[in-house]
Amino acid sequence: MSVLPERREQIRSAHAALILQVAAACQNIHLRAPLEENLRVAAANGWGDLVAVIRQILAGQRELGLLRGLDEEDGVIIESILTGLQNPETLPKAGDQADPTLAAPGLASVILAARRGEPEALAWLGRMASQMQRAGGDMARMGAALGPLSRGRCDRLTLERGMGPLGRGLLQSVLDILAKTEQQ
């Protein structure tokens, strides 16, 4: 399953703070202590492979072989760090935030792949649901809806229970894309 361009940008935006922190710590050893605390937390939350590669980058490794064995999300993060170290203009901007309009097509494509039983899609959805749960609010409720959506349950009223306007809008966008795709 390839990473769609808008999904790549969504991943970059969602992890902009980490990408920028790693790039800065590579340039300034004094910034590594605060990064190390974040890396410990990330490893404890199941991001061990990503953390291991980040530590290799901090140790001076820069080859693209670091991407081998990483899942799509971790690969986009590492590629963004490596590219940013070569050309800082490619780094995400500090104020970048994930664009919900970009999230819907990416989520819908992964939900459809999960419905087809693609293992990578199922794993990605599980990781995304966990991240969304940690974010709280509408994102936690949207994360909880990913499982039912991947099993073909599309009752909007049930899925949107407790969501605010932003969450309901994202859910509706995902449902619209799923419905359109199923009609084709």
C-alpha atoms as a PDB file:
ATOM      1  CA  MET A   1       0.000   0.000   0.000  1.00  0.00           C
ATOM      2  CA  SER A   2       1.605   3.289  -1.042  1.00  0.00           C
ATOM      3  CA  VAL A   3       1.432   6.467   0.967  1.00  0.00           C
ATOM      4  CA  LEU A   4      -0.818   9.020  -0.727  1.00  0.00           C
ATOM      5  CA  PRO A   5       0.750  12.507  -1.049  1.00  0.00           C
ATOM      6  CA  GLU A   6      -1.929  14.139   1.123  1.00  0.00           C
ATOM      7  CA  ARG A   7      -1.486  11.432   3.756  1.00  0.00           C
ATOM      8  CA  ARG A   8       2.290  12.038   3.732  1.00  0.00           C
ATOM      9  CA  GLU A   9       1.642  15.719   4.406  1.00  0.00           C
ATOM     10  CA  GLN A  10      -0.863  14.859   7.124  1.00  0.00           C
ATOM     11  CA  ILE A  11       1.751  12.646   8.823  1.00  0.00           C
ATOM     12  CA  ARG A  12       4.398  15.372   8.484  1.00  0.00           C
ATOM     13  CA  SER A  13       2.039  17.964   9.952  1.00  0.00           C
ATOM     14  CA  ALA A  14       0.940  15.716  12.793  1.00  0.00           C
ATOM     15  CA  HIS A  15       4.567  15.021  13.752  1.00  0.00           C
ATOM     16  CA  ALA A  16       6.043  18.435  12.885  1.00  0.00           C
ATOM     17  CA  ALA A  17       7.123  19.133  16.464  1.00  0.00           C
ATOM     18  CA  LEU A  18       9.106  15.878  16.692  1.00  0.00           C
ATOM     19  CA  ILE A  19      10.656  16.324  13.231  1.00  0.00           C
ATOM     20  CA  LEU A  20      11.771  19.851  14.115  1.00  0.00           C
ATOM     21  CA  GLN A  21      13.025  18.824  17.558  1.00  0.00           C
ATOM     22  CA  VAL A  22      15.176  16.019  16.134  1.00  0.00           C
ATOM     23  CA  ALA A  23      16.575  18.248  13.368  1.00  0.00           C
ATOM     24  CA  ALA A  24      17.442  20.943  15.920  1.00  0.00           C
ATOM     25  CA  ALA A  25      19.041  18.416  18.300  1.00  0.00           C
ATOM     26  CA  CYS A  26      21.224  17.153  15.444  1.00  0.00           C
ATOM     27  CA  GLN A  27      22.559  20.694  15.058  1.00  0.00           C
ATOM     28  CA  ASN A  28      22.829  21.565  18.767  1.00  0.00           C
ATOM     29  CA  ILE A  29      23.865  18.945  21.340  1.00  0.00           C
ATOM     30  CA  HIS A  30      22.370  21.062  24.146  1.00  0.00           C
ATOM     31  CA  LEU A  31      18.881  20.378  22.777  1.00  0.00           C
ATOM     32  CA  ARG A  32      19.223  16.615  23.172  1.00  0.00           C
ATOM     33  CA  ALA A  33      18.224  16.352  26.847  1.00  0.00           C
ATOM     34  CA  PRO A  34      14.639  17.569  26.294  1.00  0.00           C
ATOM     35  CA  LEU A  35      14.414  15.399  23.167  1.00  0.00           C
ATOM     36  CA  GLU A  36      15.611  12.349  25.089  1.00  0.00           C
ATOM     37  CA  GLU A  37      12.678  12.648  27.495  1.00  0.00           C
ATOM     38  CA  ASN A  38      10.265  12.748  24.547  1.00  0.00           C
ATOM     39  CA  LEU A  39      11.992   9.728  23.008  1.00  0.00           C
ATOM     40  CA  ARG A  40      11.623   7.747  26.251  1.00  0.00           C
ATOM     41  CA  VAL A  41       7.893   8.519  26.319  1.00  0.00           C
ATOM     42  CA  ALA A  42       7.523   7.634  22.627  1.00  0.00           C
ATOM     43  CA  ALA A  43       9.314   4.298  23.115  1.00  0.00           C
ATOM     44  CA  ALA A  44       7.076   3.493  26.088  1.00  0.00           C
ATOM     45  CA  ASN A  45       4.030   4.191  23.880  1.00  0.00           C
ATOM     46  CA  GLY A  46       5.009   1.676  21.214  1.00  0.00           C
ATOM     47  CA  TRP A  47       7.208   3.801  18.953  1.00  0.00           C
ATOM     48  CA  GLY A  48      10.380   1.780  19.656  1.00  0.00           C
ATOM     49  CA  ASP A  49      11.397   1.310  16.012  1.00  0.00           C
ATOM     50  CA  LEU A  50      11.058   5.027  15.298  1.00  0.00           C
ATOM     51  CA  VAL A  51      12.996   5.964  18.436  1.00  0.00           C
ATOM     52  CA  ALA A  52      15.807   3.531  17.561  1.00  0.00           C
ATOM     53  CA  VAL A  53      16.237   5.129  14.126  1.00  0.00           C
ATOM     54  CA  ILE A  54      16.081   8.653  15.569  1.00  0.00           C
ATOM     55  CA  ARG A  55      18.888   7.696  17.954  1.00  0.00           C
ATOM     56  CA  GLN A  56      20.923   6.484  14.965  1.00  0.00           C
ATOM     57  CA  ILE A  57      20.363   9.846  13.273  1.00  0.00           C
ATOM     58  CA  LEU A  58      21.439  11.648  16.441  1.00  0.00           C
ATOM     59  CA  ALA A  59      24.595   9.500  16.383  1.00  0.00           C
ATOM     60  CA  GLY A  60      25.390  10.862  12.912  1.00  0.00           C
ATOM     61  CA  GLN A  61      23.920   8.292  10.529  1.00  0.00           C
ATOM     62  CA  ARG A  62      22.180   9.824   7.532  1.00  0.00           C
ATOM     63  CA  GLU A  63      21.820   7.063   4.913  1.00  0.00           C
ATOM     64  CA  LEU A  64      18.451   6.177   3.412  1.00  0.00           C
ATOM     65  CA  GLY A  65      18.946   2.586   4.567  1.00  0.00           C
ATOM     66  CA  LEU A  66      17.606   3.804   7.908  1.00  0.00           C
ATOM     67  CA  LEU A  67      14.145   3.658   6.324  1.00  0.00           C
ATOM     68  CA  ARG A  68      14.337  -0.128   5.810  1.00  0.00           C
ATOM     69  CA  GLY A  69      11.918  -2.036   7.993  1.00  0.00           C
ATOM     70  CA  LEU A  70       9.927   1.015   9.105  1.00  0.00           C
ATOM     71  CA  ASP A  71       6.175   1.239   8.624  1.00  0.00           C
ATOM     72  CA  GLU A  72       4.793   4.004   6.438  1.00  0.00           C
ATOM     73  CA  GLU A  73       4.209   6.539   9.190  1.00  0.00           C
ATOM     74  CA  ASP A  74       7.644   6.083  10.772  1.00  0.00           C
ATOM     75  CA  GLY A  75       9.201   6.164   7.292  1.00  0.00           C
ATOM     76  CA  VAL A  76       7.602   9.521   6.470  1.00  0.00           C
ATOM     77  CA  ILE A  77       8.839  10.961   9.773  1.00  0.00           C
ATOM     78  CA  ILE A  78      12.408   9.702   9.282  1.00  0.00           C
ATOM     79  CA  GLU A  79      12.506  10.751   5.635  1.00  0.00           C
ATOM     80  CA  SER A  80      11.334  14.237   6.667  1.00  0.00           C
ATOM     81  CA  ILE A  81      14.105  14.459   9.259  1.00  0.00           C
ATOM     82  CA  LEU A  82      16.811  13.280   6.845  1.00  0.00           C
ATOM     83  CA  THR A  83      15.620  15.564   4.053  1.00  0.00           C
ATOM     84  CA  GLY A  84      15.354  18.464   6.495  1.00  0.00           C
ATOM     85  CA  LEU A  85      18.924  17.954   7.671  1.00  0.00           C
ATOM     86  CA  GLN A  86      20.107  18.231   4.063  1.00  0.00           C
ATOM     87  CA  ASN A  87      17.815  21.141   3.226  1.00  0.00           C
ATOM     88  CA  PRO A  88      16.201  22.948   6.193  1.00  0.00           C
ATOM     89  CA  GLU A  89      13.722  24.604   3.800  1.00  0.00           C
ATOM     90  CA  THR A  90      11.942  21.229   3.499  1.00  0.00           C
ATOM     91  CA  LEU A  91      11.217  20.993   7.234  1.00  0.00           C
ATOM     92  CA  PRO A  92       7.616  21.528   8.322  1.00  0.00           C
ATOM     93  CA  LYS A  93       6.979  24.953   9.786  1.00  0.00           C
ATOM     94  CA  ALA A  94       6.779  25.234  13.571  1.00  0.00           C
ATOM     95  CA  GLY A  95       3.162  26.406  13.473  1.00  0.00           C
ATOM     96  CA  ASP A  96       1.994  23.704  11.061  1.00  0.00           C
ATOM     97  CA  GLN A  97      -1.021  21.817  12.294  1.00  0.00           C
ATOM     98  CA  ALA A  98      -2.651  18.767  10.831  1.00  0.00           C
ATOM     99  CA  ASP A  99      -5.255  19.829   8.285  1.00  0.00           C
ATOM    100  CA  PRO A 100      -8.539  17.983   8.873  1.00  0.00           C
ATOM    101  CA  THR A 101      -9.433  18.353   5.191  1.00  0.00           C
ATOM    102  CA  LEU A 102      -6.377  16.243   4.380  1.00  0.00           C
ATOM    103  CA  ALA A 103      -7.219  13.641   7.022  1.00  0.00           C
ATOM    104  CA  ALA A 104     -10.511  12.452   5.531  1.00  0.00           C
ATOM    105  CA  PRO A 105      -9.186  11.050   2.217  1.00  0.00           C
ATOM    106  CA  GLY A 106      -6.239   9.393   3.956  1.00  0.00           C
ATOM    107  CA  LEU A 107      -8.401   7.852   6.660  1.00  0.00           C
ATOM    108  CA  ALA A 108     -10.981   6.683   4.124  1.00  0.00           C
ATOM    109  CA  SER A 109      -8.331   5.028   1.945  1.00  0.00           C
ATOM    110  CA  VAL A 110      -6.899   3.149   4.913  1.00  0.00           C
ATOM    111  CA  ILE A 111     -10.377   2.150   6.133  1.00  0.00           C
ATOM    112  CA  LEU A 112     -11.141   0.732   2.670  1.00  0.00           C
ATOM    113  CA  ALA A 113      -7.842  -1.162   2.641  1.00  0.00           C
ATOM    114  CA  ALA A 114      -8.603  -2.532   6.112  1.00  0.00           C
ATOM    115  CA  ARG A 115     -12.025  -3.685   4.895  1.00  0.00           C
ATOM    116  CA  ARG A 116     -10.199  -5.646   2.188  1.00  0.00           C
ATOM    117  CA  GLY A 117      -8.130  -7.270   4.942  1.00  0.00           C
ATOM    118  CA  GLU A 118      -4.790  -5.640   4.141  1.00  0.00           C
ATOM    119  CA  PRO A 119      -2.599  -6.255   7.224  1.00  0.00           C
ATOM    120  CA  GLU A 120      -0.630  -2.989   6.903  1.00  0.00           C
ATOM    121  CA  ALA A 121      -3.858  -0.996   6.815  1.00  0.00           C
ATOM    122  CA  LEU A 122      -5.222  -2.787   9.879  1.00  0.00           C
ATOM    123  CA  ALA A 123      -1.994  -2.130  11.782  1.00  0.00           C
ATOM    124  CA  TRP A 124      -1.912   1.527  10.680  1.00  0.00           C
ATOM    125  CA  LEU A 125      -5.523   2.053  11.755  1.00  0.00           C
ATOM    126  CA  GLY A 126      -4.752   0.559  15.162  1.00  0.00           C
ATOM    127  CA  ARG A 127      -1.791   2.898  15.664  1.00  0.00           C
ATOM    128  CA  MET A 128      -3.785   5.882  14.436  1.00  0.00           C
ATOM    129  CA  ALA A 129      -6.696   5.051  16.750  1.00  0.00           C
ATOM    130  CA  SER A 130      -4.275   4.868  19.700  1.00  0.00           C
ATOM    131  CA  GLN A 131      -2.769   8.250  18.836  1.00  0.00           C
ATOM    132  CA  MET A 132      -6.186   9.805  18.431  1.00  0.00           C
ATOM    133  CA  GLN A 133      -7.306   8.366  21.776  1.00  0.00           C
ATOM    134  CA  ARG A 134      -4.313  10.040  23.458  1.00  0.00           C
ATOM    135  CA  ALA A 135      -5.214  13.366  21.822  1.00  0.00           C
ATOM    136  CA  GLY A 136      -8.587  13.366  23.566  1.00  0.00           C
ATOM    137  CA  GLY A 137     -11.773  15.213  22.620  1.00  0.00           C
ATOM    138  CA  ASP A 138     -13.149  14.820  19.113  1.00  0.00           C
ATOM    139  CA  MET A 139     -10.001  13.057  17.953  1.00  0.00           C
ATOM    140  CA  ALA A 140     -10.435  10.385  20.643  1.00  0.00           C
ATOM    141  CA  ARG A 141     -14.024   9.855  19.540  1.00  0.00           C
ATOM    142  CA  MET A 142     -12.949   9.694  15.883  1.00  0.00           C
ATOM    143  CA  GLY A 143     -10.251   7.203  16.852  1.00  0.00           C
ATOM    144  CA  ALA A 144     -12.904   5.059  18.524  1.00  0.00           C
ATOM    145  CA  ALA A 145     -14.940   5.161  15.288  1.00  0.00           C
ATOM    146  CA  LEU A 146     -12.110   3.757  13.151  1.00  0.00           C
ATOM    147  CA  GLY A 147     -12.691   0.171  14.285  1.00  0.00           C
ATOM    148  CA  PRO A 148     -16.414   0.127  13.472  1.00  0.00           C
ATOM    149  CA  LEU A 149     -15.768   1.940  10.174  1.00  0.00           C
ATOM    150  CA  SER A 150     -13.178  -0.664   9.177  1.00  0.00           C
ATOM    151  CA  ARG A 151     -15.795  -3.355   9.816  1.00  0.00           C
ATOM    152  CA  GLY A 152     -18.333  -1.615   7.566  1.00  0.00           C
ATOM    153  CA  ARG A 153     -20.428   0.002  10.285  1.00  0.00           C
ATOM    154  CA  CYS A 154     -21.343   3.447   9.007  1.00  0.00           C
ATOM    155  CA  ASP A 155     -24.221   4.644  11.204  1.00  0.00           C
ATOM    156  CA  ARG A 156     -23.301   8.309  11.476  1.00  0.00           C
ATOM    157  CA  LEU A 157     -25.539   9.037  14.472  1.00  0.00           C
ATOM    158  CA  THR A 158     -23.962   6.248  16.515  1.00  0.00           C
ATOM    159  CA  LEU A 159     -20.397   7.043  15.455  1.00  0.00           C
ATOM    160  CA  GLU A 160     -20.641  10.796  16.066  1.00  0.00           C
ATOM    161  CA  ARG A 161     -22.079  10.483  19.572  1.00  0.00           C
ATOM    162  CA  GLY A 162     -20.303  13.001  21.824  1.00  0.00           C
ATOM    163  CA  MET A 163     -18.410  14.718  18.973  1.00  0.00           C
ATOM    164  CA  GLY A 164     -18.284  18.444  18.502  1.00  0.00           C
ATOM    165  CA  PRO A 165     -18.645  20.189  15.136  1.00  0.00           C
ATOM    166  CA  LEU A 166     -15.034  19.543  14.047  1.00  0.00           C
ATOM    167  CA  GLY A 167     -15.244  15.815  14.783  1.00  0.00           C
ATOM    168  CA  ARG A 168     -18.659  15.491  13.144  1.00  0.00           C
ATOM    169  CA  GLY A 169     -17.326  17.280  10.057  1.00  0.00           C
ATOM    170  CA  LEU A 170     -14.335  14.957   9.782  1.00  0.00           C
ATOM    171  CA  LEU A 171     -16.531  11.894  10.288  1.00  0.00           C
ATOM    172  CA  GLN A 172     -19.021  13.096   7.666  1.00  0.00           C
ATOM    173  CA  SER A 173     -16.191  13.702   5.186  1.00  0.00           C
ATOM    174  CA  VAL A 174     -14.867  10.174   5.743  1.00  0.00           C
ATOM    175  CA  LEU A 175     -18.382   8.699   5.387  1.00  0.00           C
ATOM    176  CA  ASP A 176     -18.974  10.677   2.174  1.00  0.00           C
ATOM    177  CA  ILE A 177     -15.724   9.399   0.638  1.00  0.00           C
ATOM    178  CA  LEU A 178     -16.497   5.822   1.700  1.00  0.00           C
ATOM    179  CA  ALA A 179     -20.004   6.033   0.212  1.00  0.00           C
ATOM    180  CA  LYS A 180     -18.713   7.528  -3.041  1.00  0.00           C
ATOM    181  CA  THR A 181     -16.050   4.838  -3.352  1.00  0.00           C
ATOM    182  CA  GLU A 182     -18.547   2.047  -2.682  1.00  0.00           C
ATOM    183  CA  GLN A 183     -20.842   3.374  -5.445  1.00  0.00           C
ATOM    184  CA  GLN A 184     -18.074   3.125  -8.044  1.00  0.00           C
END
